[in-house]
Amino acid sequence: MAYLIFARDGTSCIVLKRDSRDGAEKKARELRELGWFDVQIQEAAPARAKSASPIKDSDGN
């Protein structure tokens, strides 16, 4: 499961990705210590498979 870390400082916002909850919590803690605020952790939504487009012949059908 992947986790996203959202954080803001006075002029920008970032989104970081970590593969474990422990890694996400560690990075969130580090960001808070560096002065970032509104630090949040969310589980990343599972990736969706792309649907295949229909194959057309040379006539466009």
PDB file of N, CA and C in Angstrom:
ATOM      1  N   MET A   1       0.856  -1.178   0.000  1.00  0.00           N
ATOM      2  CA  MET A   1       0.000   0.000   0.000  1.00  0.00           C
ATOM      3  C   MET A   1       0.897   1.235   0.000  1.00  0.00           C
ATOM      4  N   ALA A   2       0.576   2.206  -0.799  1.00  0.00           N
ATOM      5  CA  ALA A   2       1.323   3.458  -0.858  1.00  0.00           C
ATOM      6  C   ALA A   2       0.608   4.527  -0.036  1.00  0.00           C
ATOM      7  N   TYR A   3       1.390   5.453   0.489  1.00  0.00           N
ATOM      8  CA  TYR A   3       0.857   6.544   1.299  1.00  0.00           C
ATOM      9  C   TYR A   3       1.364   7.863   0.741  1.00  0.00           C
ATOM     10  N   LEU A   4       0.487   8.858   0.719  1.00  0.00           N
ATOM     11  CA  LEU A   4       0.832  10.197   0.259  1.00  0.00           C
ATOM     12  C   LEU A   4       0.922  11.118   1.462  1.00  0.00           C
ATOM     13  N   ILE A   5       1.957  11.965   1.470  1.00  0.00           N
ATOM     14  CA  ILE A   5       2.144  12.949   2.531  1.00  0.00           C
ATOM     15  C   ILE A   5       1.964  14.323   1.903  1.00  0.00           C
ATOM     16  N   PHE A   6       1.004  15.078   2.398  1.00  0.00           N
ATOM     17  CA  PHE A   6       0.728  16.437   1.932  1.00  0.00           C
ATOM     18  C   PHE A   6       1.241  17.406   2.990  1.00  0.00           C
ATOM     19  N   ALA A   7       1.916  18.473   2.553  1.00  0.00           N
ATOM     20  CA  ALA A   7       2.414  19.465   3.514  1.00  0.00           C
ATOM     21  C   ALA A   7       2.508  20.823   2.840  1.00  0.00           C
ATOM     22  N   ARG A   8       2.408  21.880   3.667  1.00  0.00           N
ATOM     23  CA  ARG A   8       2.521  23.259   3.171  1.00  0.00           C
ATOM     24  C   ARG A   8       3.520  24.026   4.016  1.00  0.00           C
ATOM     25  N   ASP A   9       4.173  24.985   3.378  1.00  0.00           N
ATOM     26  CA  ASP A   9       4.920  25.988   4.128  1.00  0.00           C
ATOM     27  C   ASP A   9       4.354  27.334   3.703  1.00  0.00           C
ATOM     28  N   GLY A  10       5.034  28.408   3.953  1.00  0.00           N
ATOM     29  CA  GLY A  10       4.477  29.719   3.655  1.00  0.00           C
ATOM     30  C   GLY A  10       4.215  29.988   2.186  1.00  0.00           C
ATOM     31  N   THR A  11       4.977  29.360   1.287  1.00  0.00           N
ATOM     32  CA  THR A  11       4.858  29.694  -0.130  1.00  0.00           C
ATOM     33  C   THR A  11       4.561  28.524  -1.049  1.00  0.00           C
ATOM     34  N   SER A  12       4.639  27.315  -0.560  1.00  0.00           N
ATOM     35  CA  SER A  12       4.451  26.177  -1.463  1.00  0.00           C
ATOM     36  C   SER A  12       3.800  25.000  -0.755  1.00  0.00           C
ATOM     37  N   CYS A  13       3.420  24.016  -1.560  1.00  0.00           N
ATOM     38  CA  CYS A  13       2.887  22.772  -1.003  1.00  0.00           C
ATOM     39  C   CYS A  13       3.556  21.615  -1.741  1.00  0.00           C
ATOM     40  N   ILE A  14       3.679  20.494  -1.039  1.00  0.00           N
ATOM     41  CA  ILE A  14       4.318  19.329  -1.626  1.00  0.00           C
ATOM     42  C   ILE A  14       3.459  18.096  -1.382  1.00  0.00           C
ATOM     43  N   VAL A  15       3.670  17.103  -2.222  1.00  0.00           N
ATOM     44  CA  VAL A  15       3.066  15.787  -2.039  1.00  0.00           C
ATOM     45  C   VAL A  15       4.193  14.775  -2.214  1.00  0.00           C
ATOM     46  N   LEU A  16       4.413  13.974  -1.191  1.00  0.00           N
ATOM     47  CA  LEU A  16       5.439  12.945  -1.228  1.00  0.00           C
ATOM     48  C   LEU A  16       4.776  11.581  -1.139  1.00  0.00           C
ATOM     49  N   LYS A  17       5.444  10.569  -1.644  1.00  0.00           N
ATOM     50  CA  LYS A  17       4.893   9.212  -1.628  1.00  0.00           C
ATOM     51  C   LYS A  17       5.853   8.295  -0.885  1.00  0.00           C
ATOM     52  N   ARG A  18       5.302   7.445  -0.020  1.00  0.00           N
ATOM     53  CA  ARG A  18       6.082   6.441   0.695  1.00  0.00           C
ATOM     54  C   ARG A  18       5.360   5.106   0.580  1.00  0.00           C
ATOM     55  N   ASP A  19       6.127   4.018   0.589  1.00  0.00           N
ATOM     56  CA  ASP A  19       5.551   2.685   0.422  1.00  0.00           C
ATOM     57  C   ASP A  19       5.036   2.072   1.713  1.00  0.00           C
ATOM     58  N   SER A  20       5.417   2.621   2.860  1.00  0.00           N
ATOM     59  CA  SER A  20       4.952   2.058   4.131  1.00  0.00           C
ATOM     60  C   SER A  20       4.384   3.155   5.018  1.00  0.00           C
ATOM     61  N   ARG A  21       3.505   2.764   5.921  1.00  0.00           N
ATOM     62  CA  ARG A  21       2.918   3.714   6.873  1.00  0.00           C
ATOM     63  C   ARG A  21       4.009   4.278   7.785  1.00  0.00           C
ATOM     64  N   ASP A  22       4.929   3.412   8.226  1.00  0.00           N
ATOM     65  CA  ASP A  22       6.019   3.877   9.091  1.00  0.00           C
ATOM     66  C   ASP A  22       6.877   4.926   8.388  1.00  0.00           C
ATOM     67  N   GLY A  23       7.190   4.683   7.119  1.00  0.00           N
ATOM     68  CA  GLY A  23       7.975   5.643   6.351  1.00  0.00           C
ATOM     69  C   GLY A  23       7.248   6.965   6.176  1.00  0.00           C
ATOM     70  N   ALA A  24       5.946   6.902   5.961  1.00  0.00           N
ATOM     71  CA  ALA A  24       5.141   8.119   5.804  1.00  0.00           C
ATOM     72  C   ALA A  24       5.096   8.906   7.108  1.00  0.00           C
ATOM     73  N   GLU A  25       4.925   8.206   8.230  1.00  0.00           N
ATOM     74  CA  GLU A  25       4.884   8.890   9.526  1.00  0.00           C
ATOM     75  C   GLU A  25       6.228   9.523   9.865  1.00  0.00           C
ATOM     76  N   LYS A  26       7.317   8.830   9.536  1.00  0.00           N
ATOM     77  CA  LYS A  26       8.655   9.386   9.783  1.00  0.00           C
ATOM     78  C   LYS A  26       8.860  10.667   8.974  1.00  0.00           C
ATOM     79  N   LYS A  27       8.516  10.634   7.688  1.00  0.00           N
ATOM     80  CA  LYS A  27       8.692  11.817   6.839  1.00  0.00           C
ATOM     81  C   LYS A  27       7.790  12.953   7.294  1.00  0.00           C
ATOM     82  N   ALA A  28       6.556  12.652   7.699  1.00  0.00           N
ATOM     83  CA  ALA A  28       5.643  13.683   8.193  1.00  0.00           C
ATOM     84  C   ALA A  28       6.221  14.351   9.439  1.00  0.00           C
ATOM     85  N   ARG A  29       6.782  13.553  10.332  1.00  0.00           N
ATOM     86  CA  ARG A  29       7.405  14.093  11.546  1.00  0.00           C
ATOM     87  C   ARG A  29       8.591  15.001  11.189  1.00  0.00           C
ATOM     88  N   GLU A  30       9.423  14.563  10.231  1.00  0.00           N
ATOM     89  CA  GLU A  30      10.567  15.371   9.792  1.00  0.00           C
ATOM     90  C   GLU A  30      10.103  16.699   9.192  1.00  0.00           C
ATOM     91  N   LEU A  31       9.046  16.662   8.395  1.00  0.00           N
ATOM     92  CA  LEU A  31       8.535  17.894   7.786  1.00  0.00           C
ATOM     93  C   LEU A  31       8.039  18.870   8.852  1.00  0.00           C
ATOM     94  N   ARG A  32       7.327  18.358   9.856  1.00  0.00           N
ATOM     95  CA  ARG A  32       6.855  19.229  10.946  1.00  0.00           C
ATOM     96  C   ARG A  32       8.034  19.863  11.674  1.00  0.00           C
ATOM     97  N   GLU A  33       9.098  19.075  11.919  1.00  0.00           N
ATOM     98  CA  GLU A  33      10.290  19.604  12.592  1.00  0.00           C
ATOM     99  C   GLU A  33      10.969  20.690  11.765  1.00  0.00           C
ATOM    100  N   LEU A  34      10.830  20.618  10.436  1.00  0.00           N
ATOM    101  CA  LEU A  34      11.420  21.625   9.553  1.00  0.00           C
ATOM    102  C   LEU A  34      10.528  22.851   9.369  1.00  0.00           C
ATOM    103  N   GLY A  35       9.355  22.853  10.013  1.00  0.00           N
ATOM    104  CA  GLY A  35       8.482  24.016   9.952  1.00  0.00           C
ATOM    105  C   GLY A  35       7.331  23.921   8.972  1.00  0.00           C
ATOM    106  N   TRP A  36       7.165  22.790   8.294  1.00  0.00           N
ATOM    107  CA  TRP A  36       6.016  22.614   7.408  1.00  0.00           C
ATOM    108  C   TRP A  36       4.772  22.454   8.267  1.00  0.00           C
ATOM    109  N   PHE A  37       3.617  22.862   7.751  1.00  0.00           N
ATOM    110  CA  PHE A  37       2.374  22.734   8.504  1.00  0.00           C
ATOM    111  C   PHE A  37       1.301  22.112   7.619  1.00  0.00           C
ATOM    112  N   ASP A  38       0.128  21.874   8.196  1.00  0.00           N
ATOM    113  CA  ASP A  38      -0.953  21.149   7.508  1.00  0.00           C
ATOM    114  C   ASP A  38      -0.431  19.833   6.932  1.00  0.00           C
ATOM    115  N   VAL A  39       0.410  19.153   7.685  1.00  0.00           N
ATOM    116  CA  VAL A  39       0.983  17.885   7.234  1.00  0.00           C
ATOM    117  C   VAL A  39      -0.065  16.787   7.431  1.00  0.00           C
ATOM    118  N   GLN A  40      -0.381  16.079   6.354  1.00  0.00           N
ATOM    119  CA  GLN A  40      -1.397  15.021   6.394  1.00  0.00           C
ATOM    120  C   GLN A  40      -0.894  13.794   5.655  1.00  0.00           C
ATOM    121  N   ILE A  41      -1.328  12.637   6.121  1.00  0.00           N
ATOM    122  CA  ILE A  41      -1.005  11.373   5.457  1.00  0.00           C
ATOM    123  C   ILE A  41      -2.312  10.755   4.978  1.00  0.00           C
ATOM    124  N   GLN A  42      -2.315  10.304   3.725  1.00  0.00           N
ATOM    125  CA  GLN A  42      -3.486   9.618   3.162  1.00  0.00           C
ATOM    126  C   GLN A  42      -3.031   8.362   2.442  1.00  0.00           C
ATOM    127  N   GLU A  43      -3.871   7.341   2.476  1.00  0.00           N
ATOM    128  CA  GLU A  43      -3.600   6.156   1.664  1.00  0.00           C
ATOM    129  C   GLU A  43      -3.838   6.521   0.205  1.00  0.00           C
ATOM    130  N   ALA A  44      -2.920   6.117  -0.649  1.00  0.00           N
ATOM    131  CA  ALA A  44      -3.078   6.389  -2.079  1.00  0.00           C
ATOM    132  C   ALA A  44      -4.168   5.490  -2.646  1.00  0.00           C
ATOM    133  N   ALA A  45      -4.966   6.041  -3.522  1.00  0.00           N
ATOM    134  CA  ALA A  45      -6.017   5.253  -4.178  1.00  0.00           C
ATOM    135  C   ALA A  45      -5.359   4.212  -5.072  1.00  0.00           C
ATOM    136  N   PRO A  46      -5.917   3.019  -5.151  1.00  0.00           N
ATOM    137  CA  PRO A  46      -5.344   1.998  -6.032  1.00  0.00           C
ATOM    138  C   PRO A  46      -5.372   2.460  -7.482  1.00  0.00           C
ATOM    139  N   ALA A  47      -4.342   2.101  -8.209  1.00  0.00           N
ATOM    140  CA  ALA A  47      -4.260   2.485  -9.622  1.00  0.00           C
ATOM    141  C   ALA A  47      -5.331   1.748 -10.411  1.00  0.00           C
ATOM    142  N   ARG A  48      -5.929   2.445 -11.352  1.00  0.00           N
ATOM    143  CA  ARG A  48      -6.951   1.831 -12.202  1.00  0.00           C
ATOM    144  C   ARG A  48      -6.313   1.411 -13.515  1.00  0.00           C
ATOM    145  N   ALA A  49      -6.771   0.315 -14.049  1.00  0.00           N
ATOM    146  CA  ALA A  49      -6.289  -0.136 -15.350  1.00  0.00           C
ATOM    147  C   ALA A  49      -6.882   0.752 -16.436  1.00  0.00           C
ATOM    148  N   LYS A  50      -6.069   1.077 -17.409  1.00  0.00           N
ATOM    149  CA  LYS A  50      -6.569   1.870 -18.530  1.00  0.00           C
ATOM    150  C   LYS A  50      -7.390   0.972 -19.437  1.00  0.00           C
ATOM    151  N   SER A  51      -8.490   1.499 -19.934  1.00  0.00           N
ATOM    152  CA  SER A  51      -9.299   0.711 -20.860  1.00  0.00           C
ATOM    153  C   SER A  51      -8.683   0.809 -22.251  1.00  0.00           C
ATOM    154  N   ALA A  52      -8.710  -0.291 -22.933  1.00  0.00           N
ATOM    155  CA  ALA A  52      -8.141  -0.330 -24.278  1.00  0.00           C
ATOM    156  C   ALA A  52      -9.085   0.348 -25.256  1.00  0.00           C
ATOM    157  N   SER A  53      -8.517   1.079 -26.190  1.00  0.00           N
ATOM    158  CA  SER A  53      -9.351   1.695 -27.217  1.00  0.00           C
ATOM    159  C   SER A  53      -9.579   0.674 -28.333  1.00  0.00           C
ATOM    160  N   PRO A  54     -10.714   0.753 -28.990  1.00  0.00           N
ATOM    161  CA  PRO A  54     -11.002  -0.223 -30.052  1.00  0.00           C
ATOM    162  C   PRO A  54     -10.012  -0.087 -31.201  1.00  0.00           C
ATOM    163  N   ILE A  55      -9.689  -1.216 -31.782  1.00  0.00           N
ATOM    164  CA  ILE A  55      -8.768  -1.231 -32.925  1.00  0.00           C
ATOM    165  C   ILE A  55      -9.576  -0.976 -34.190  1.00  0.00           C
ATOM    166  N   LYS A  56      -9.083  -0.058 -34.997  1.00  0.00           N
ATOM    167  CA  LYS A  56      -9.772   0.268 -36.249  1.00  0.00           C
ATOM    168  C   LYS A  56      -8.947  -0.244 -37.417  1.00  0.00           C
ATOM    169  N   ASP A  57      -9.637  -0.640 -38.475  1.00  0.00           N
ATOM    170  CA  ASP A  57      -8.925  -1.082 -39.666  1.00  0.00           C
ATOM    171  C   ASP A  57      -8.486   0.128 -40.486  1.00  0.00           C
ATOM    172  N   SER A  58      -7.877  -0.116 -41.611  1.00  0.00           N
ATOM    173  CA  SER A  58      -7.338   0.976 -42.424  1.00  0.00           C
ATOM    174  C   SER A  58      -8.414   1.914 -42.960  1.00  0.00           C
ATOM    175  N   ASP A  59      -9.675   1.465 -43.005  1.00  0.00           N
ATOM    176  CA  ASP A  59     -10.777   2.312 -43.463  1.00  0.00           C
ATOM    177  C   ASP A  59     -11.354   3.155 -42.333  1.00  0.00           C
ATOM    178  N   GLY A  60     -10.834   2.984 -41.120  1.00  0.00           N
ATOM    179  CA  GLY A  60     -11.348   3.743 -39.991  1.00  0.00           C
ATOM    180  C   GLY A  60     -12.546   3.102 -39.329  1.00  0.00           C
ATOM    181  N   ASN A  61     -12.871   1.870 -39.674  1.00  0.00           N
ATOM    182  CA  ASN A  61     -14.024   1.155 -39.097  1.00  0.00           C
ATOM    183  C   ASN A  61     -13.586   0.160 -38.056  1.00  0.00           C
TER     184      ASN A  61
END
